[in-house]
Amino acid sequence: MGDVAAGAGFGILSTKLAYLIQPCISRMFTGTTKGKNFFVVAPSYNGEHTELNFSIRL
């Protein structure tokens, strides 16, 4: 039960943090937070390999 609560807490806090720092990251990489520009970092793990994917649209 403690692992589930800790995992949920970590997920909620990391989501809140991502929403707080996203405008700063957008301005740093694209110069704007509105419009069609965006920057995405997406980690993934398939059981054997860990990846970190970057996507930017200007």
PDB file of N, CA and C in Angstrom:
ATOM      1  N   MET A   1       0.815  -1.184   0.000  1.00  0.00           N
ATOM      2  CA  MET A   1       0.000   0.000   0.000  1.00  0.00           C
ATOM      3  C   MET A   1       0.868   1.261   0.000  1.00  0.00           C
ATOM      4  N   GLY A   2       1.969   1.204   0.744  1.00  0.00           N
ATOM      5  CA  GLY A   2       2.862   2.361   0.786  1.00  0.00           C
ATOM      6  C   GLY A   2       3.507   2.646  -0.553  1.00  0.00           C
ATOM      7  N   ASP A   3       3.844   1.579  -1.316  1.00  0.00           N
ATOM      8  CA  ASP A   3       4.437   1.777  -2.642  1.00  0.00           C
ATOM      9  C   ASP A   3       3.457   2.451  -3.598  1.00  0.00           C
ATOM     10  N   VAL A   4       2.204   2.054  -3.515  1.00  0.00           N
ATOM     11  CA  VAL A   4       1.182   2.646  -4.382  1.00  0.00           C
ATOM     12  C   VAL A   4       0.998   4.124  -4.047  1.00  0.00           C
ATOM     13  N   ALA A   5       0.933   4.446  -2.767  1.00  0.00           N
ATOM     14  CA  ALA A   5       0.770   5.843  -2.359  1.00  0.00           C
ATOM     15  C   ALA A   5       1.989   6.674  -2.761  1.00  0.00           C
ATOM     16  N   ALA A   6       3.182   6.116  -2.595  1.00  0.00           N
ATOM     17  CA  ALA A   6       4.394   6.842  -2.977  1.00  0.00           C
ATOM     18  C   ALA A   6       4.440   7.050  -4.492  1.00  0.00           C
ATOM     19  N   GLY A   7       4.070   6.033  -5.259  1.00  0.00           N
ATOM     20  CA  GLY A   7       4.050   6.163  -6.723  1.00  0.00           C
ATOM     21  C   GLY A   7       3.044   7.194  -7.189  1.00  0.00           C
ATOM     22  N   ALA A   8       1.867   7.199  -6.574  1.00  0.00           N
ATOM     23  CA  ALA A   8       0.855   8.190  -6.931  1.00  0.00           C
ATOM     24  C   ALA A   8       1.331   9.594  -6.575  1.00  0.00           C
ATOM     25  N   GLY A   9       1.930   9.731  -5.403  1.00  0.00           N
ATOM     26  CA  GLY A   9       2.442  11.042  -4.996  1.00  0.00           C
ATOM     27  C   GLY A   9       3.527  11.538  -5.926  1.00  0.00           C
ATOM     28  N   PHE A  10       4.433  10.650  -6.303  1.00  0.00           N
ATOM     29  CA  PHE A  10       5.501  11.031  -7.232  1.00  0.00           C
ATOM     30  C   PHE A  10       4.925  11.436  -8.582  1.00  0.00           C
ATOM     31  N   GLY A  11       3.941  10.702  -9.075  1.00  0.00           N
ATOM     32  CA  GLY A  11       3.316  11.041 -10.354  1.00  0.00           C
ATOM     33  C   GLY A  11       2.623  12.378 -10.320  1.00  0.00           C
ATOM     34  N   ILE A  12       1.890  12.644  -9.254  1.00  0.00           N
ATOM     35  CA  ILE A  12       1.178  13.916  -9.131  1.00  0.00           C
ATOM     36  C   ILE A  12       2.156  15.081  -9.024  1.00  0.00           C
ATOM     37  N   LEU A  13       3.166  14.936  -8.189  1.00  0.00           N
ATOM     38  CA  LEU A  13       4.153  16.017  -8.027  1.00  0.00           C
ATOM     39  C   LEU A  13       4.949  16.272  -9.303  1.00  0.00           C
ATOM     40  N   SER A  14       5.338  15.208 -10.005  1.00  0.00           N
ATOM     41  CA  SER A  14       6.110  15.408 -11.235  1.00  0.00           C
ATOM     42  C   SER A  14       5.256  16.065 -12.314  1.00  0.00           C
ATOM     43  N   THR A  15       3.962  15.758 -12.363  1.00  0.00           N
ATOM     44  CA  THR A  15       3.076  16.415 -13.322  1.00  0.00           C
ATOM     45  C   THR A  15       2.919  17.889 -12.998  1.00  0.00           C
ATOM     46  N   LYS A  16       2.725  18.202 -11.726  1.00  0.00           N
ATOM     47  CA  LYS A  16       2.614  19.608 -11.311  1.00  0.00           C
ATOM     48  C   LYS A  16       3.894  20.377 -11.653  1.00  0.00           C
ATOM     49  N   LEU A  17       5.048  19.763 -11.390  1.00  0.00           N
ATOM     50  CA  LEU A  17       6.330  20.392 -11.703  1.00  0.00           C
ATOM     51  C   LEU A  17       6.488  20.613 -13.207  1.00  0.00           C
ATOM     52  N   ALA A  18       6.085  19.639 -14.006  1.00  0.00           N
ATOM     53  CA  ALA A  18       6.181  19.780 -15.459  1.00  0.00           C
ATOM     54  C   ALA A  18       5.343  20.943 -15.961  1.00  0.00           C
ATOM     55  N   TYR A  19       4.123  21.101 -15.416  1.00  0.00           N
ATOM     56  CA  TYR A  19       3.283  22.225 -15.822  1.00  0.00           C
ATOM     57  C   TYR A  19       3.870  23.561 -15.375  1.00  0.00           C
ATOM     58  N   LEU A  20       4.590  23.589 -14.273  1.00  0.00           N
ATOM     59  CA  LEU A  20       5.191  24.835 -13.814  1.00  0.00           C
ATOM     60  C   LEU A  20       6.397  25.249 -14.650  1.00  0.00           C
ATOM     61  N   ILE A  21       7.232  24.290 -15.051  1.00  0.00           N
ATOM     62  CA  ILE A  21       8.461  24.654 -15.767  1.00  0.00           C
ATOM     63  C   ILE A  21       8.302  24.649 -17.286  1.00  0.00           C
ATOM     64  N   GLN A  22       7.187  24.153 -17.817  1.00  0.00           N
ATOM     65  CA  GLN A  22       7.000  24.084 -19.265  1.00  0.00           C
ATOM     66  C   GLN A  22       7.083  25.446 -19.946  1.00  0.00           C
ATOM     67  N   PRO A  23       6.469  26.514 -19.429  1.00  0.00           N
ATOM     68  CA  PRO A  23       6.610  27.818 -20.095  1.00  0.00           C
ATOM     69  C   PRO A  23       8.060  28.301 -20.171  1.00  0.00           C
ATOM     70  N   CYS A  24       8.834  28.058 -19.129  1.00  0.00           N
ATOM     71  CA  CYS A  24      10.241  28.468 -19.136  1.00  0.00           C
ATOM     72  C   CYS A  24      11.025  27.703 -20.195  1.00  0.00           C
ATOM     73  N   ILE A  25      10.784  26.424 -20.292  1.00  0.00           N
ATOM     74  CA  ILE A  25      11.480  25.602 -21.288  1.00  0.00           C
ATOM     75  C   ILE A  25      11.062  26.009 -22.694  1.00  0.00           C
ATOM     76  N   SER A  26       9.786  26.283 -22.897  1.00  0.00           N
ATOM     77  CA  SER A  26       9.312  26.715 -24.215  1.00  0.00           C
ATOM     78  C   SER A  26       9.971  28.013 -24.642  1.00  0.00           C
ATOM     79  N   ARG A  27      10.046  28.987 -23.716  1.00  0.00           N
ATOM     80  CA  ARG A  27      10.701  30.253 -24.057  1.00  0.00           C
ATOM     81  C   ARG A  27      12.184  30.052 -24.346  1.00  0.00           C
ATOM     82  N   MET A  28      12.831  29.143 -23.618  1.00  0.00           N
ATOM     83  CA  MET A  28      14.256  28.922 -23.785  1.00  0.00           C
ATOM     84  C   MET A  28      14.573  28.318 -25.156  1.00  0.00           C
ATOM     85  N   PHE A  29      13.748  27.391 -25.627  1.00  0.00           N
ATOM     86  CA  PHE A  29      14.055  26.698 -26.875  1.00  0.00           C
ATOM     87  C   PHE A  29      13.353  27.267 -28.091  1.00  0.00           C
ATOM     88  N   THR A  30      12.193  27.869 -27.918  1.00  0.00           N
ATOM     89  CA  THR A  30      11.453  28.339 -29.082  1.00  0.00           C
ATOM     90  C   THR A  30      11.229  29.839 -29.091  1.00  0.00           C
ATOM     91  N   GLY A  31      11.429  30.498 -27.955  1.00  0.00           N
ATOM     92  CA  GLY A  31      11.243  31.937 -27.894  1.00  0.00           C
ATOM     93  C   GLY A  31       9.809  32.359 -27.644  1.00  0.00           C
ATOM     94  N   THR A  32       8.894  31.399 -27.534  1.00  0.00           N
ATOM     95  CA  THR A  32       7.492  31.741 -27.307  1.00  0.00           C
ATOM     96  C   THR A  32       6.793  30.613 -26.567  1.00  0.00           C
ATOM     97  N   THR A  33       5.680  30.933 -25.918  1.00  0.00           N
ATOM     98  CA  THR A  33       4.864  29.902 -25.258  1.00  0.00           C
ATOM     99  C   THR A  33       3.523  29.749 -25.955  1.00  0.00           C
ATOM    100  N   LYS A  34       3.224  30.614 -26.928  1.00  0.00           N
ATOM    101  CA  LYS A  34       1.953  30.553 -27.642  1.00  0.00           C
ATOM    102  C   LYS A  34       2.224  30.312 -29.120  1.00  0.00           C
ATOM    103  N   GLY A  35       1.211  29.952 -29.831  1.00  0.00           N
ATOM    104  CA  GLY A  35       1.363  29.720 -31.251  1.00  0.00           C
ATOM    105  C   GLY A  35       1.642  28.265 -31.551  1.00  0.00           C
ATOM    106  N   LYS A  36       2.357  28.023 -32.650  1.00  0.00           N
ATOM    107  CA  LYS A  36       2.570  26.659 -33.116  1.00  0.00           C
ATOM    108  C   LYS A  36       3.914  26.082 -32.703  1.00  0.00           C
ATOM    109  N   ASN A  37       4.755  26.850 -32.041  1.00  0.00           N
ATOM    110  CA  ASN A  37       6.062  26.344 -31.624  1.00  0.00           C
ATOM    111  C   ASN A  37       5.922  25.486 -30.384  1.00  0.00           C
ATOM    112  N   PHE A  38       6.666  24.385 -30.342  1.00  0.00           N
ATOM    113  CA  PHE A  38       6.679  23.577 -29.136  1.00  0.00           C
ATOM    114  C   PHE A  38       7.954  22.755 -29.050  1.00  0.00           C
ATOM    115  N   PHE A  39       8.267  22.310 -27.845  1.00  0.00           N
ATOM    116  CA  PHE A  39       9.427  21.481 -27.562  1.00  0.00           C
ATOM    117  C   PHE A  39       8.975  20.363 -26.626  1.00  0.00           C
ATOM    118  N   VAL A  40       9.292  19.108 -26.968  1.00  0.00           N
ATOM    119  CA  VAL A  40       8.858  17.960 -26.183  1.00  0.00           C
ATOM    120  C   VAL A  40      10.048  17.065 -25.884  1.00  0.00           C
ATOM    121  N   VAL A  41      10.147  16.598 -24.645  1.00  0.00           N
ATOM    122  CA  VAL A  41      11.115  15.582 -24.241  1.00  0.00           C
ATOM    123  C   VAL A  41      10.308  14.406 -23.727  1.00  0.00           C
ATOM    124  N   ALA A  42      10.521  13.218 -24.303  1.00  0.00           N
ATOM    125  CA  ALA A  42       9.737  12.049 -23.919  1.00  0.00           C
ATOM    126  C   ALA A  42      10.651  10.863 -23.616  1.00  0.00           C
ATOM    127  N   PRO A  43      10.771  10.488 -22.342  1.00  0.00           N
ATOM    128  CA  PRO A  43      11.546   9.293 -22.013  1.00  0.00           C
ATOM    129  C   PRO A  43      10.725   8.037 -22.283  1.00  0.00           C
ATOM    130  N   SER A  44      11.393   6.944 -22.650  1.00  0.00           N
ATOM    131  CA  SER A  44      10.688   5.682 -22.848  1.00  0.00           C
ATOM    132  C   SER A  44      11.601   4.521 -22.472  1.00  0.00           C
ATOM    133  N   TYR A  45      10.966   3.410 -22.119  1.00  0.00           N
ATOM    134  CA  TYR A  45      11.686   2.189 -21.731  1.00  0.00           C
ATOM    135  C   TYR A  45      10.864   1.003 -22.203  1.00  0.00           C
ATOM    136  N   ASN A  46      11.481   0.094 -22.961  1.00  0.00           N
ATOM    137  CA  ASN A  46      10.733  -1.037 -23.500  1.00  0.00           C
ATOM    138  C   ASN A  46      11.113  -2.371 -22.852  1.00  0.00           C
ATOM    139  N   GLY A  47      11.769  -2.354 -21.723  1.00  0.00           N
ATOM    140  CA  GLY A  47      12.175  -3.576 -21.050  1.00  0.00           C
ATOM    141  C   GLY A  47      13.635  -3.921 -21.273  1.00  0.00           C
ATOM    142  N   GLU A  48      14.209  -3.419 -22.347  1.00  0.00           N
ATOM    143  CA  GLU A  48      15.614  -3.673 -22.671  1.00  0.00           C
ATOM    144  C   GLU A  48      16.410  -2.385 -22.870  1.00  0.00           C
ATOM    145  N   HIS A  49      15.772  -1.393 -23.456  1.00  0.00           N
ATOM    146  CA  HIS A  49      16.474  -0.156 -23.820  1.00  0.00           C
ATOM    147  C   HIS A  49      15.760   1.046 -23.218  1.00  0.00           C
ATOM    148  N   THR A  50      16.554   2.023 -22.815  1.00  0.00           N
ATOM    149  CA  THR A  50      16.027   3.291 -22.338  1.00  0.00           C
ATOM    150  C   THR A  50      16.325   4.349 -23.388  1.00  0.00           C
ATOM    151  N   GLU A  51      15.330   5.165 -23.707  1.00  0.00           N
ATOM    152  CA  GLU A  51      15.487   6.199 -24.729  1.00  0.00           C
ATOM    153  C   GLU A  51      15.021   7.540 -24.183  1.00  0.00           C
ATOM    154  N   LEU A  52      15.565   8.591 -24.742  1.00  0.00           N
ATOM    155  CA  LEU A  52      15.121   9.946 -24.450  1.00  0.00           C
ATOM    156  C   LEU A  52      14.916  10.630 -25.792  1.00  0.00           C
ATOM    157  N   ASN A  53      13.659  10.910 -26.144  1.00  0.00           N
ATOM    158  CA  ASN A  53      13.312  11.466 -27.439  1.00  0.00           C
ATOM    159  C   ASN A  53      13.044  12.951 -27.325  1.00  0.00           C
ATOM    160  N   PHE A  54      13.558  13.713 -28.275  1.00  0.00           N
ATOM    161  CA  PHE A  54      13.363  15.157 -28.336  1.00  0.00           C
ATOM    162  C   PHE A  54      12.616  15.507 -29.601  1.00  0.00           C
ATOM    163  N   SER A  55      11.696  16.438 -29.509  1.00  0.00           N
ATOM    164  CA  SER A  55      10.969  16.915 -30.684  1.00  0.00           C
ATOM    165  C   SER A  55      10.784  18.417 -30.547  1.00  0.00           C
ATOM    166  N   ILE A  56      11.057  19.129 -31.630  1.00  0.00           N
ATOM    167  CA  ILE A  56      10.865  20.578 -31.625  1.00  0.00           C
ATOM    168  C   ILE A  56      10.219  20.976 -32.944  1.00  0.00           C
ATOM    169  N   ARG A  57       9.256  21.877 -32.853  1.00  0.00           N
ATOM    170  CA  ARG A  57       8.620  22.401 -34.057  1.00  0.00           C
ATOM    171  C   ARG A  57       8.675  23.908 -33.981  1.00  0.00           C
ATOM    172  N   LEU A  58       9.232  24.517 -35.006  1.00  0.00           N
ATOM    173  CA  LEU A  58       9.354  25.982 -35.048  1.00  0.00           C
ATOM    174  C   LEU A  58       8.381  26.551 -36.038  1.00  0.00           C
TER     175      LEU A  58
END
